[in-house]
Amino acid sequence: RPIYEQIMDGVKKQIIGGVLAKDEKLPSVRELATMLTINPNTISK
């Protein structure tokens, strides 16, 4: 699977699993790109 889909699945799992609460702020595109060492455009997508 493309990397952006893996990121989407990871975020969805955290939302569905209650790890991320409603109205909680996600990491910025730059922050997440730095944490995962991938291109910021992939996070944006």
ModelCIF file with pLDDT and N, C-alpha, C, O atoms, coordinates in Angstrom:
data_MODEL
#
_entry.id   MODEL 
#
_entity.id                         1 
_entity.type                       polymer 
_entity.pdbx_number_of_molecules   1 
#
_entity_poly.entity_id                      1 
_entity_poly.type                           'polypeptide(L)' 
_entity_poly.nstd_linkage                   no 
_entity_poly.nstd_monomer                   no 
_entity_poly.pdbx_seq_one_letter_code       RPIYEQIMDGVKKQIIGGVLAKDEKLPSVRELATMLTINPNTISK 
_entity_poly.pdbx_seq_one_letter_code_can   RPIYEQIMDGVKKQIIGGVLAKDEKLPSVRELATMLTINPNTISK 
_entity_poly.pdbx_strand_id                 A 
#
loop_
_entity_poly_seq.entity_id 
_entity_poly_seq.num 
_entity_poly_seq.mon_id 
_entity_poly_seq.hetero 
1 1  ARG n 
1 2  PRO n 
1 3  ILE n 
1 4  TYR n 
1 5  GLU n 
1 6  GLN n 
1 7  ILE n 
1 8  MET n 
1 9  ASP n 
1 10 GLY n 
1 11 VAL n 
1 12 LYS n 
1 13 LYS n 
1 14 GLN n 
1 15 ILE n 
1 16 ILE n 
1 17 GLY n 
1 18 GLY n 
1 19 VAL n 
1 20 LEU n 
1 21 ALA n 
1 22 LYS n 
1 23 ASP n 
1 24 GLU n 
1 25 LYS n 
1 26 LEU n 
1 27 PRO n 
1 28 SER n 
1 29 VAL n 
1 30 ARG n 
1 31 GLU n 
1 32 LEU n 
1 33 ALA n 
1 34 THR n 
1 35 MET n 
1 36 LEU n 
1 37 THR n 
1 38 ILE n 
1 39 ASN n 
1 40 PRO n 
1 41 ASN n 
1 42 THR n 
1 43 ILE n 
1 44 SER n 
1 45 LYS n 
#
_struct_asym.id          A 
_struct_asym.entity_id   1 
#
loop_
_ma_qa_metric.id 
_ma_qa_metric.mode 
_ma_qa_metric.name 
_ma_qa_metric.software_group_id 
_ma_qa_metric.type 
1 global pLDDT . pLDDT 
2 local  pLDDT . pLDDT 
#
_ma_qa_metric_global.metric_id      1 
_ma_qa_metric_global.metric_value   94.58 
_ma_qa_metric_global.model_id       1 
_ma_qa_metric_global.ordinal_id     1 
#
loop_
_ma_qa_metric_local.label_asym_id 
_ma_qa_metric_local.label_comp_id 
_ma_qa_metric_local.label_seq_id 
_ma_qa_metric_local.metric_id 
_ma_qa_metric_local.metric_value 
_ma_qa_metric_local.model_id 
_ma_qa_metric_local.ordinal_id 
A ARG 1  2 93.00 1 1  
A PRO 2  2 95.00 1 2  
A ILE 3  2 96.00 1 3  
A TYR 4  2 96.00 1 4  
A GLU 5  2 96.00 1 5  
A GLN 6  2 95.00 1 6  
A ILE 7  2 96.00 1 7  
A MET 8  2 96.00 1 8  
A ASP 9  2 94.00 1 9  
A GLY 10 2 95.00 1 10 
A VAL 11 2 95.00 1 11 
A LYS 12 2 92.00 1 12 
A LYS 13 2 91.00 1 13 
A GLN 14 2 94.00 1 14 
A ILE 15 2 91.00 1 15 
A ILE 16 2 86.00 1 16 
A GLY 17 2 87.00 1 17 
A GLY 18 2 89.00 1 18 
A VAL 19 2 94.00 1 19 
A LEU 20 2 94.00 1 20 
A ALA 21 2 94.00 1 21 
A LYS 22 2 94.00 1 22 
A ASP 23 2 95.00 1 23 
A GLU 24 2 96.00 1 24 
A LYS 25 2 97.00 1 25 
A LEU 26 2 97.00 1 26 
A PRO 27 2 96.00 1 27 
A SER 28 2 95.00 1 28 
A VAL 29 2 96.00 1 29 
A ARG 30 2 96.00 1 30 
A GLU 31 2 96.00 1 31 
A LEU 32 2 95.00 1 32 
A ALA 33 2 96.00 1 33 
A THR 34 2 95.00 1 34 
A MET 35 2 94.00 1 35 
A LEU 36 2 94.00 1 36 
A THR 37 2 94.00 1 37 
A ILE 38 2 95.00 1 38 
A ASN 39 2 96.00 1 39 
A PRO 40 2 97.00 1 40 
A ASN 41 2 97.00 1 41 
A THR 42 2 97.00 1 42 
A ILE 43 2 96.00 1 43 
A SER 44 2 96.00 1 44 
A LYS 45 2 97.00 1 45 
#
loop_
_atom_site.group_PDB 
_atom_site.id 
_atom_site.type_symbol 
_atom_site.label_atom_id 
_atom_site.label_alt_id 
_atom_site.label_comp_id 
_atom_site.label_asym_id 
_atom_site.label_entity_id 
_atom_site.label_seq_id 
_atom_site.pdbx_PDB_ins_code 
_atom_site.Cartn_x 
_atom_site.Cartn_y 
_atom_site.Cartn_z 
_atom_site.occupancy 
_atom_site.B_iso_or_equiv 
_atom_site.pdbx_formal_charge 
_atom_site.auth_seq_id 
_atom_site.auth_comp_id 
_atom_site.auth_asym_id 
_atom_site.auth_atom_id 
_atom_site.pdbx_PDB_model_num 
ATOM 1   N N  . ARG A 1 1  ? 0.831   -1.204 0.000  1.00 93.00 ? 1  ARG A N  1 
ATOM 2   C CA . ARG A 1 1  ? 0.000   0.000  0.000  1.00 93.00 ? 1  ARG A CA 1 
ATOM 3   C C  . ARG A 1 1  ? 0.867   1.256  0.000  1.00 93.00 ? 1  ARG A C  1 
ATOM 4   O O  . ARG A 1 1  ? 1.959   1.261  0.567  1.00 93.00 ? 1  ARG A O  1 
ATOM 5   N N  . PRO A 1 2  ? 0.378   2.320  -0.637 1.00 95.00 ? 2  PRO A N  1 
ATOM 6   C CA . PRO A 1 2  ? 1.118   3.589  -0.592 1.00 95.00 ? 2  PRO A CA 1 
ATOM 7   C C  . PRO A 1 2  ? 1.265   4.084  0.845  1.00 95.00 ? 2  PRO A C  1 
ATOM 8   O O  . PRO A 1 2  ? 0.443   3.763  1.703  1.00 95.00 ? 2  PRO A O  1 
ATOM 9   N N  . ILE A 1 3  ? 2.294   4.852  1.099  1.00 96.00 ? 3  ILE A N  1 
ATOM 10  C CA . ILE A 1 3  ? 2.585   5.345  2.439  1.00 96.00 ? 3  ILE A CA 1 
ATOM 11  C C  . ILE A 1 3  ? 1.440   6.197  2.975  1.00 96.00 ? 3  ILE A C  1 
ATOM 12  O O  . ILE A 1 3  ? 1.098   6.101  4.154  1.00 96.00 ? 3  ILE A O  1 
ATOM 13  N N  . TYR A 1 4  ? 0.841   7.037  2.115  1.00 96.00 ? 4  TYR A N  1 
ATOM 14  C CA . TYR A 1 4  ? -0.240  7.899  2.609  1.00 96.00 ? 4  TYR A CA 1 
ATOM 15  C C  . TYR A 1 4  ? -1.422  7.061  3.104  1.00 96.00 ? 4  TYR A C  1 
ATOM 16  O O  . TYR A 1 4  ? -2.094  7.451  4.059  1.00 96.00 ? 4  TYR A O  1 
ATOM 17  N N  . GLU A 1 5  ? -1.684  5.911  2.466  1.00 96.00 ? 5  GLU A N  1 
ATOM 18  C CA . GLU A 1 5  ? -2.767  5.032  2.915  1.00 96.00 ? 5  GLU A CA 1 
ATOM 19  C C  . GLU A 1 5  ? -2.421  4.396  4.262  1.00 96.00 ? 5  GLU A C  1 
ATOM 20  O O  . GLU A 1 5  ? -3.297  4.224  5.110  1.00 96.00 ? 5  GLU A O  1 
ATOM 21  N N  . GLN A 1 6  ? -1.160  4.050  4.460  1.00 95.00 ? 6  GLN A N  1 
ATOM 22  C CA . GLN A 1 6  ? -0.739  3.497  5.739  1.00 95.00 ? 6  GLN A CA 1 
ATOM 23  C C  . GLN A 1 6  ? -0.924  4.533  6.846  1.00 95.00 ? 6  GLN A C  1 
ATOM 24  O O  . GLN A 1 6  ? -1.345  4.196  7.952  1.00 95.00 ? 6  GLN A O  1 
ATOM 25  N N  . ILE A 1 7  ? -0.610  5.781  6.548  1.00 96.00 ? 7  ILE A N  1 
ATOM 26  C CA . ILE A 1 7  ? -0.792  6.854  7.521  1.00 96.00 ? 7  ILE A CA 1 
ATOM 27  C C  . ILE A 1 7  ? -2.279  7.039  7.822  1.00 96.00 ? 7  ILE A C  1 
ATOM 28  O O  . ILE A 1 7  ? -2.672  7.184  8.980  1.00 96.00 ? 7  ILE A O  1 
ATOM 29  N N  . MET A 1 8  ? -3.097  7.032  6.773  1.00 96.00 ? 8  MET A N  1 
ATOM 30  C CA . MET A 1 8  ? -4.547  7.150  6.963  1.00 96.00 ? 8  MET A CA 1 
ATOM 31  C C  . MET A 1 8  ? -5.064  6.029  7.851  1.00 96.00 ? 8  MET A C  1 
ATOM 32  O O  . MET A 1 8  ? -5.832  6.274  8.782  1.00 96.00 ? 8  MET A O  1 
ATOM 33  N N  . ASP A 1 9  ? -4.648  4.807  7.568  1.00 94.00 ? 9  ASP A N  1 
ATOM 34  C CA . ASP A 1 9  ? -5.097  3.665  8.371  1.00 94.00 ? 9  ASP A CA 1 
ATOM 35  C C  . ASP A 1 9  ? -4.666  3.809  9.821  1.00 94.00 ? 9  ASP A C  1 
ATOM 36  O O  . ASP A 1 9  ? -5.430  3.491  10.732 1.00 94.00 ? 9  ASP A O  1 
ATOM 37  N N  . GLY A 1 10 ? -3.444  4.288  10.042 1.00 95.00 ? 10 GLY A N  1 
ATOM 38  C CA . GLY A 1 10 ? -2.954  4.479  11.403 1.00 95.00 ? 10 GLY A CA 1 
ATOM 39  C C  . GLY A 1 10 ? -3.773  5.504  12.164 1.00 95.00 ? 10 GLY A C  1 
ATOM 40  O O  . GLY A 1 10 ? -4.114  5.293  13.327 1.00 95.00 ? 10 GLY A O  1 
ATOM 41  N N  . VAL A 1 11 ? -4.089  6.614  11.509 1.00 95.00 ? 11 VAL A N  1 
ATOM 42  C CA . VAL A 1 11 ? -4.891  7.653  12.159 1.00 95.00 ? 11 VAL A CA 1 
ATOM 43  C C  . VAL A 1 11 ? -6.304  7.138  12.414 1.00 95.00 ? 11 VAL A C  1 
ATOM 44  O O  . VAL A 1 11 ? -6.859  7.356  13.491 1.00 95.00 ? 11 VAL A O  1 
ATOM 45  N N  . LYS A 1 12 ? -6.894  6.450  11.419 1.00 92.00 ? 12 LYS A N  1 
ATOM 46  C CA . LYS A 1 12 ? -8.246  5.902  11.587 1.00 92.00 ? 12 LYS A CA 1 
ATOM 47  C C  . LYS A 1 12 ? -8.297  4.936  12.770 1.00 92.00 ? 12 LYS A C  1 
ATOM 48  O O  . LYS A 1 12 ? -9.232  4.986  13.569 1.00 92.00 ? 12 LYS A O  1 
ATOM 49  N N  . LYS A 1 13 ? -7.304  4.060  12.887 1.00 91.00 ? 13 LYS A N  1 
ATOM 50  C CA . LYS A 1 13 ? -7.275  3.103  13.995 1.00 91.00 ? 13 LYS A CA 1 
ATOM 51  C C  . LYS A 1 13 ? -7.216  3.825  15.334 1.00 91.00 ? 13 LYS A C  1 
ATOM 52  O O  . LYS A 1 13 ? -7.870  3.416  16.293 1.00 91.00 ? 13 LYS A O  1 
ATOM 53  N N  . GLN A 1 14 ? -6.439  4.890  15.399 1.00 94.00 ? 14 GLN A N  1 
ATOM 54  C CA . GLN A 1 14 ? -6.333  5.647  16.646 1.00 94.00 ? 14 GLN A CA 1 
ATOM 55  C C  . GLN A 1 14 ? -7.642  6.354  16.974 1.00 94.00 ? 14 GLN A C  1 
ATOM 56  O O  . GLN A 1 14 ? -8.017  6.456  18.142 1.00 94.00 ? 14 GLN A O  1 
ATOM 57  N N  . ILE A 1 15 ? -8.340  6.842  15.950 1.00 91.00 ? 15 ILE A N  1 
ATOM 58  C CA . ILE A 1 15 ? -9.623  7.513  16.180 1.00 91.00 ? 15 ILE A CA 1 
ATOM 59  C C  . ILE A 1 15 ? -10.666 6.499  16.622 1.00 91.00 ? 15 ILE A C  1 
ATOM 60  O O  . ILE A 1 15 ? -11.358 6.707  17.619 1.00 91.00 ? 15 ILE A O  1 
ATOM 61  N N  . ILE A 1 16 ? -10.779 5.399  15.882 1.00 86.00 ? 16 ILE A N  1 
ATOM 62  C CA . ILE A 1 16 ? -11.772 4.371  16.193 1.00 86.00 ? 16 ILE A CA 1 
ATOM 63  C C  . ILE A 1 16 ? -11.488 3.738  17.546 1.00 86.00 ? 16 ILE A C  1 
ATOM 64  O O  . ILE A 1 16 ? -12.414 3.439  18.300 1.00 86.00 ? 16 ILE A O  1 
ATOM 65  N N  . GLY A 1 17 ? -10.204 3.531  17.858 1.00 87.00 ? 17 GLY A N  1 
ATOM 66  C CA . GLY A 1 17 ? -9.817  2.917  19.124 1.00 87.00 ? 17 GLY A CA 1 
ATOM 67  C C  . GLY A 1 17 ? -9.881  3.855  20.325 1.00 87.00 ? 17 GLY A C  1 
ATOM 68  O O  . GLY A 1 17 ? -9.649  3.426  21.455 1.00 87.00 ? 17 GLY A O  1 
ATOM 69  N N  . GLY A 1 18 ? -10.190 5.111  20.098 1.00 89.00 ? 18 GLY A N  1 
ATOM 70  C CA . GLY A 1 18 ? -10.315 6.054  21.196 1.00 89.00 ? 18 GLY A CA 1 
ATOM 71  C C  . GLY A 1 18 ? -9.006  6.659  21.668 1.00 89.00 ? 18 GLY A C  1 
ATOM 72  O O  . GLY A 1 18 ? -8.984  7.388  22.659 1.00 89.00 ? 18 GLY A O  1 
ATOM 73  N N  . VAL A 1 19 ? -7.920  6.368  20.975 1.00 94.00 ? 19 VAL A N  1 
ATOM 74  C CA . VAL A 1 19 ? -6.621  6.949  21.338 1.00 94.00 ? 19 VAL A CA 1 
ATOM 75  C C  . VAL A 1 19 ? -6.638  8.451  21.048 1.00 94.00 ? 19 VAL A C  1 
ATOM 76  O O  . VAL A 1 19 ? -6.101  9.251  21.813 1.00 94.00 ? 19 VAL A O  1 
ATOM 77  N N  . LEU A 1 20 ? -7.266  8.815  19.927 1.00 94.00 ? 20 LEU A N  1 
ATOM 78  C CA . LEU A 1 20 ? -7.435  10.220 19.574 1.00 94.00 ? 20 LEU A CA 1 
ATOM 79  C C  . LEU A 1 20 ? -8.891  10.608 19.826 1.00 94.00 ? 20 LEU A C  1 
ATOM 80  O O  . LEU A 1 20 ? -9.807  9.988  19.285 1.00 94.00 ? 20 LEU A O  1 
ATOM 81  N N  . ALA A 1 21 ? -9.097  11.626 20.641 1.00 94.00 ? 21 ALA A N  1 
ATOM 82  C CA . ALA A 1 21 ? -10.452 12.065 20.994 1.00 94.00 ? 21 ALA A CA 1 
ATOM 83  C C  . ALA A 1 21 ? -10.954 13.109 20.007 1.00 94.00 ? 21 ALA A C  1 
ATOM 84  O O  . ALA A 1 21 ? -10.177 13.770 19.318 1.00 94.00 ? 21 ALA A O  1 
ATOM 85  N N  . LYS A 1 22 ? -12.274 13.236 19.961 1.00 94.00 ? 22 LYS A N  1 
ATOM 86  C CA . LYS A 1 22 ? -12.895 14.234 19.105 1.00 94.00 ? 22 LYS A CA 1 
ATOM 87  C C  . LYS A 1 22 ? -12.369 15.617 19.462 1.00 94.00 ? 22 LYS A C  1 
ATOM 88  O O  . LYS A 1 22 ? -12.240 15.963 20.636 1.00 94.00 ? 22 LYS A O  1 
ATOM 89  N N  . ASP A 1 23 ? -12.071 16.398 18.437 1.00 95.00 ? 23 ASP A N  1 
ATOM 90  C CA . ASP A 1 23 ? -11.552 17.770 18.536 1.00 95.00 ? 23 ASP A CA 1 
ATOM 91  C C  . ASP A 1 23 ? -10.108 17.842 19.025 1.00 95.00 ? 23 ASP A C  1 
ATOM 92  O O  . ASP A 1 23 ? -9.600  18.931 19.293 1.00 95.00 ? 23 ASP A O  1 
ATOM 93  N N  . GLU A 1 24 ? -9.444  16.696 19.141 1.00 96.00 ? 24 GLU A N  1 
ATOM 94  C CA . GLU A 1 24 ? -8.028  16.701 19.506 1.00 96.00 ? 24 GLU A CA 1 
ATOM 95  C C  . GLU A 1 24 ? -7.207  17.120 18.288 1.00 96.00 ? 24 GLU A C  1 
ATOM 96  O O  . GLU A 1 24 ? -7.501  16.724 17.160 1.00 96.00 ? 24 GLU A O  1 
ATOM 97  N N  . LYS A 1 25 ? -6.191  17.915 18.531 1.00 97.00 ? 25 LYS A N  1 
ATOM 98  C CA . LYS A 1 25 ? -5.336  18.407 17.445 1.00 97.00 ? 25 LYS A CA 1 
ATOM 99  C C  . LYS A 1 25 ? -4.362  17.312 17.025 1.00 97.00 ? 25 LYS A C  1 
ATOM 100 O O  . LYS A 1 25 ? -3.718  16.674 17.859 1.00 97.00 ? 25 LYS A O  1 
ATOM 101 N N  . LEU A 1 26 ? -4.272  17.110 15.711 1.00 97.00 ? 26 LEU A N  1 
ATOM 102 C CA . LEU A 1 26 ? -3.290  16.171 15.161 1.00 97.00 ? 26 LEU A CA 1 
ATOM 103 C C  . LEU A 1 26 ? -1.951  16.877 15.020 1.00 97.00 ? 26 LEU A C  1 
ATOM 104 O O  . LEU A 1 26 ? -1.903  18.106 14.979 1.00 97.00 ? 26 LEU A O  1 
ATOM 105 N N  . PRO A 1 27 ? -0.863  16.117 14.947 1.00 96.00 ? 27 PRO A N  1 
ATOM 106 C CA . PRO A 1 27 ? 0.436   16.756 14.707 1.00 96.00 ? 27 PRO A CA 1 
ATOM 107 C C  . PRO A 1 27 ? 0.400   17.518 13.384 1.00 96.00 ? 27 PRO A C  1 
ATOM 108 O O  . PRO A 1 27 ? -0.292  17.118 12.448 1.00 96.00 ? 27 PRO A O  1 
ATOM 109 N N  . SER A 1 28 ? 1.147   18.611 13.313 1.00 95.00 ? 28 SER A N  1 
ATOM 110 C CA . SER A 1 28 ? 1.202   19.358 12.059 1.00 95.00 ? 28 SER A CA 1 
ATOM 111 C C  . SER A 1 28 ? 1.837   18.481 10.986 1.00 95.00 ? 28 SER A C  1 
ATOM 112 O O  . SER A 1 28 ? 2.472   17.470 11.285 1.00 95.00 ? 28 SER A O  1 
ATOM 113 N N  . VAL A 1 29 ? 1.657   18.881 9.752  1.00 96.00 ? 29 VAL A N  1 
ATOM 114 C CA . VAL A 1 29 ? 2.227   18.134 8.630  1.00 96.00 ? 29 VAL A CA 1 
ATOM 115 C C  . VAL A 1 29 ? 3.737   18.016 8.810  1.00 96.00 ? 29 VAL A C  1 
ATOM 116 O O  . VAL A 1 29 ? 4.304   16.939 8.627  1.00 96.00 ? 29 VAL A O  1 
ATOM 117 N N  . ARG A 1 30 ? 4.374   19.098 9.159  1.00 96.00 ? 30 ARG A N  1 
ATOM 118 C CA . ARG A 1 30 ? 5.840   19.086 9.333  1.00 96.00 ? 30 ARG A CA 1 
ATOM 119 C C  . ARG A 1 30 ? 6.261   18.197 10.499 1.00 96.00 ? 30 ARG A C  1 
ATOM 120 O O  . ARG A 1 30 ? 7.219   17.430 10.397 1.00 96.00 ? 30 ARG A O  1 
ATOM 121 N N  . GLU A 1 31 ? 5.532   18.312 11.605 1.00 96.00 ? 31 GLU A N  1 
ATOM 122 C CA . GLU A 1 31 ? 5.873   17.498 12.783 1.00 96.00 ? 31 GLU A CA 1 
ATOM 123 C C  . GLU A 1 31 ? 5.788   16.007 12.465 1.00 96.00 ? 31 GLU A C  1 
ATOM 124 O O  . GLU A 1 31 ? 6.709   15.247 12.766 1.00 96.00 ? 31 GLU A O  1 
ATOM 125 N N  . LEU A 1 32 ? 4.669   15.591 11.849 1.00 95.00 ? 32 LEU A N  1 
ATOM 126 C CA . LEU A 1 32 ? 4.496   14.174 11.541 1.00 95.00 ? 32 LEU A CA 1 
ATOM 127 C C  . LEU A 1 32 ? 5.493   13.715 10.491 1.00 95.00 ? 32 LEU A C  1 
ATOM 128 O O  . LEU A 1 32 ? 6.013   12.602 10.572 1.00 95.00 ? 32 LEU A O  1 
ATOM 129 N N  . ALA A 1 33 ? 5.760   14.558 9.514  1.00 96.00 ? 33 ALA A N  1 
ATOM 130 C CA . ALA A 1 33 ? 6.749   14.209 8.485  1.00 96.00 ? 33 ALA A CA 1 
ATOM 131 C C  . ALA A 1 33 ? 8.119   14.004 9.112  1.00 96.00 ? 33 ALA A C  1 
ATOM 132 O O  . ALA A 1 33 ? 8.854   13.098 8.721  1.00 96.00 ? 33 ALA A O  1 
ATOM 133 N N  . THR A 1 34 ? 8.462   14.838 10.078 1.00 95.00 ? 34 THR A N  1 
ATOM 134 C CA . THR A 1 34 ? 9.743   14.707 10.770 1.00 95.00 ? 34 THR A CA 1 
ATOM 135 C C  . THR A 1 34 ? 9.771   13.435 11.617 1.00 95.00 ? 34 THR A C  1 
ATOM 136 O O  . THR A 1 34 ? 10.762  12.704 11.616 1.00 95.00 ? 34 THR A O  1 
ATOM 137 N N  . MET A 1 35 ? 8.671   13.173 12.344 1.00 94.00 ? 35 MET A N  1 
ATOM 138 C CA . MET A 1 35 ? 8.611   11.971 13.188 1.00 94.00 ? 35 MET A CA 1 
ATOM 139 C C  . MET A 1 35 ? 8.756   10.698 12.361 1.00 94.00 ? 35 MET A C  1 
ATOM 140 O O  . MET A 1 35 ? 9.432   9.755  12.773 1.00 94.00 ? 35 MET A O  1 
ATOM 141 N N  . LEU A 1 36 ? 8.109   10.676 11.181 1.00 94.00 ? 36 LEU A N  1 
ATOM 142 C CA . LEU A 1 36 ? 8.114   9.466  10.355 1.00 94.00 ? 36 LEU A CA 1 
ATOM 143 C C  . LEU A 1 36 ? 9.205   9.475  9.296  1.00 94.00 ? 36 LEU A C  1 
ATOM 144 O O  . LEU A 1 36 ? 9.380   8.502  8.563  1.00 94.00 ? 36 LEU A O  1 
ATOM 145 N N  . THR A 1 37 ? 9.936   10.578 9.221  1.00 94.00 ? 37 THR A N  1 
ATOM 146 C CA . THR A 1 37 ? 10.978  10.783 8.211  1.00 94.00 ? 37 THR A CA 1 
ATOM 147 C C  . THR A 1 37 ? 10.476  10.480 6.796  1.00 94.00 ? 37 THR A C  1 
ATOM 148 O O  . THR A 1 37 ? 11.059  9.685  6.059  1.00 94.00 ? 37 THR A O  1 
ATOM 149 N N  . ILE A 1 38 ? 9.375   11.144 6.453  1.00 95.00 ? 38 ILE A N  1 
ATOM 150 C CA . ILE A 1 38 ? 8.839   11.039 5.095  1.00 95.00 ? 38 ILE A CA 1 
ATOM 151 C C  . ILE A 1 38 ? 8.503   12.433 4.589  1.00 95.00 ? 38 ILE A C  1 
ATOM 152 O O  . ILE A 1 38 ? 8.507   13.396 5.355  1.00 95.00 ? 38 ILE A O  1 
ATOM 153 N N  . ASN A 1 39 ? 8.217   12.535 3.315  1.00 96.00 ? 39 ASN A N  1 
ATOM 154 C CA . ASN A 1 39 ? 7.925   13.803 2.664  1.00 96.00 ? 39 ASN A CA 1 
ATOM 155 C C  . ASN A 1 39 ? 6.648   14.431 3.228  1.00 96.00 ? 39 ASN A C  1 
ATOM 156 O O  . ASN A 1 39 ? 5.642   13.737 3.375  1.00 96.00 ? 39 ASN A O  1 
ATOM 157 N N  . PRO A 1 40 ? 6.669   15.730 3.545  1.00 97.00 ? 40 PRO A N  1 
ATOM 158 C CA . PRO A 1 40 ? 5.472   16.403 4.048  1.00 97.00 ? 40 PRO A CA 1 
ATOM 159 C C  . PRO A 1 40 ? 4.274   16.324 3.087  1.00 97.00 ? 40 PRO A C  1 
ATOM 160 O O  . PRO A 1 40 ? 3.126   16.330 3.531  1.00 97.00 ? 40 PRO A O  1 
ATOM 161 N N  . ASN A 1 41 ? 4.536   16.252 1.789  1.00 97.00 ? 41 ASN A N  1 
ATOM 162 C CA . ASN A 1 41 ? 3.438   16.145 0.822  1.00 97.00 ? 41 ASN A CA 1 
ATOM 163 C C  . ASN A 1 41 ? 2.634   14.861 1.030  1.00 97.00 ? 41 ASN A C  1 
ATOM 164 O O  . ASN A 1 41 ? 1.427   14.833 0.789  1.00 97.00 ? 41 ASN A O  1 
ATOM 165 N N  . THR A 1 42 ? 3.303   13.814 1.472  1.00 97.00 ? 42 THR A N  1 
ATOM 166 C CA . THR A 1 42 ? 2.631   12.538 1.740  1.00 97.00 ? 42 THR A CA 1 
ATOM 167 C C  . THR A 1 42 ? 1.669   12.693 2.926  1.00 97.00 ? 42 THR A C  1 
ATOM 168 O O  . THR A 1 42 ? 0.555   12.170 2.900  1.00 97.00 ? 42 THR A O  1 
ATOM 169 N N  . ILE A 1 43 ? 2.103   13.406 3.949  1.00 96.00 ? 43 ILE A N  1 
ATOM 170 C CA . ILE A 1 43 ? 1.253   13.660 5.118  1.00 96.00 ? 43 ILE A CA 1 
ATOM 171 C C  . ILE A 1 43 ? 0.066   14.519 4.702  1.00 96.00 ? 43 ILE A C  1 
ATOM 172 O O  . ILE A 1 43 ? -1.069  14.253 5.098  1.00 96.00 ? 43 ILE A O  1 
ATOM 173 N N  . SER A 1 44 ? 0.329   15.551 3.902  1.00 96.00 ? 44 SER A N  1 
ATOM 174 C CA . SER A 1 44 ? -0.744  16.425 3.431  1.00 96.00 ? 44 SER A CA 1 
ATOM 175 C C  . SER A 1 44 ? -1.801  15.639 2.680  1.00 96.00 ? 44 SER A C  1 
ATOM 176 O O  . SER A 1 44 ? -2.998  15.857 2.868  1.00 96.00 ? 44 SER A O  1 
ATOM 177 N N  . LYS A 1 45 ? -1.362  14.728 1.832  1.00 97.00 ? 45 LYS A N  1 
ATOM 178 C CA . LYS A 1 45 ? -2.306  13.915 1.069  1.00 97.00 ? 45 LYS A CA 1 
ATOM 179 C C  . LYS A 1 45 ? -3.142  13.043 2.002  1.00 97.00 ? 45 LYS A C  1 
ATOM 180 O O  . LYS A 1 45 ? -3.996  12.286 1.539  1.00 97.00 ? 45 LYS A O  1 
#
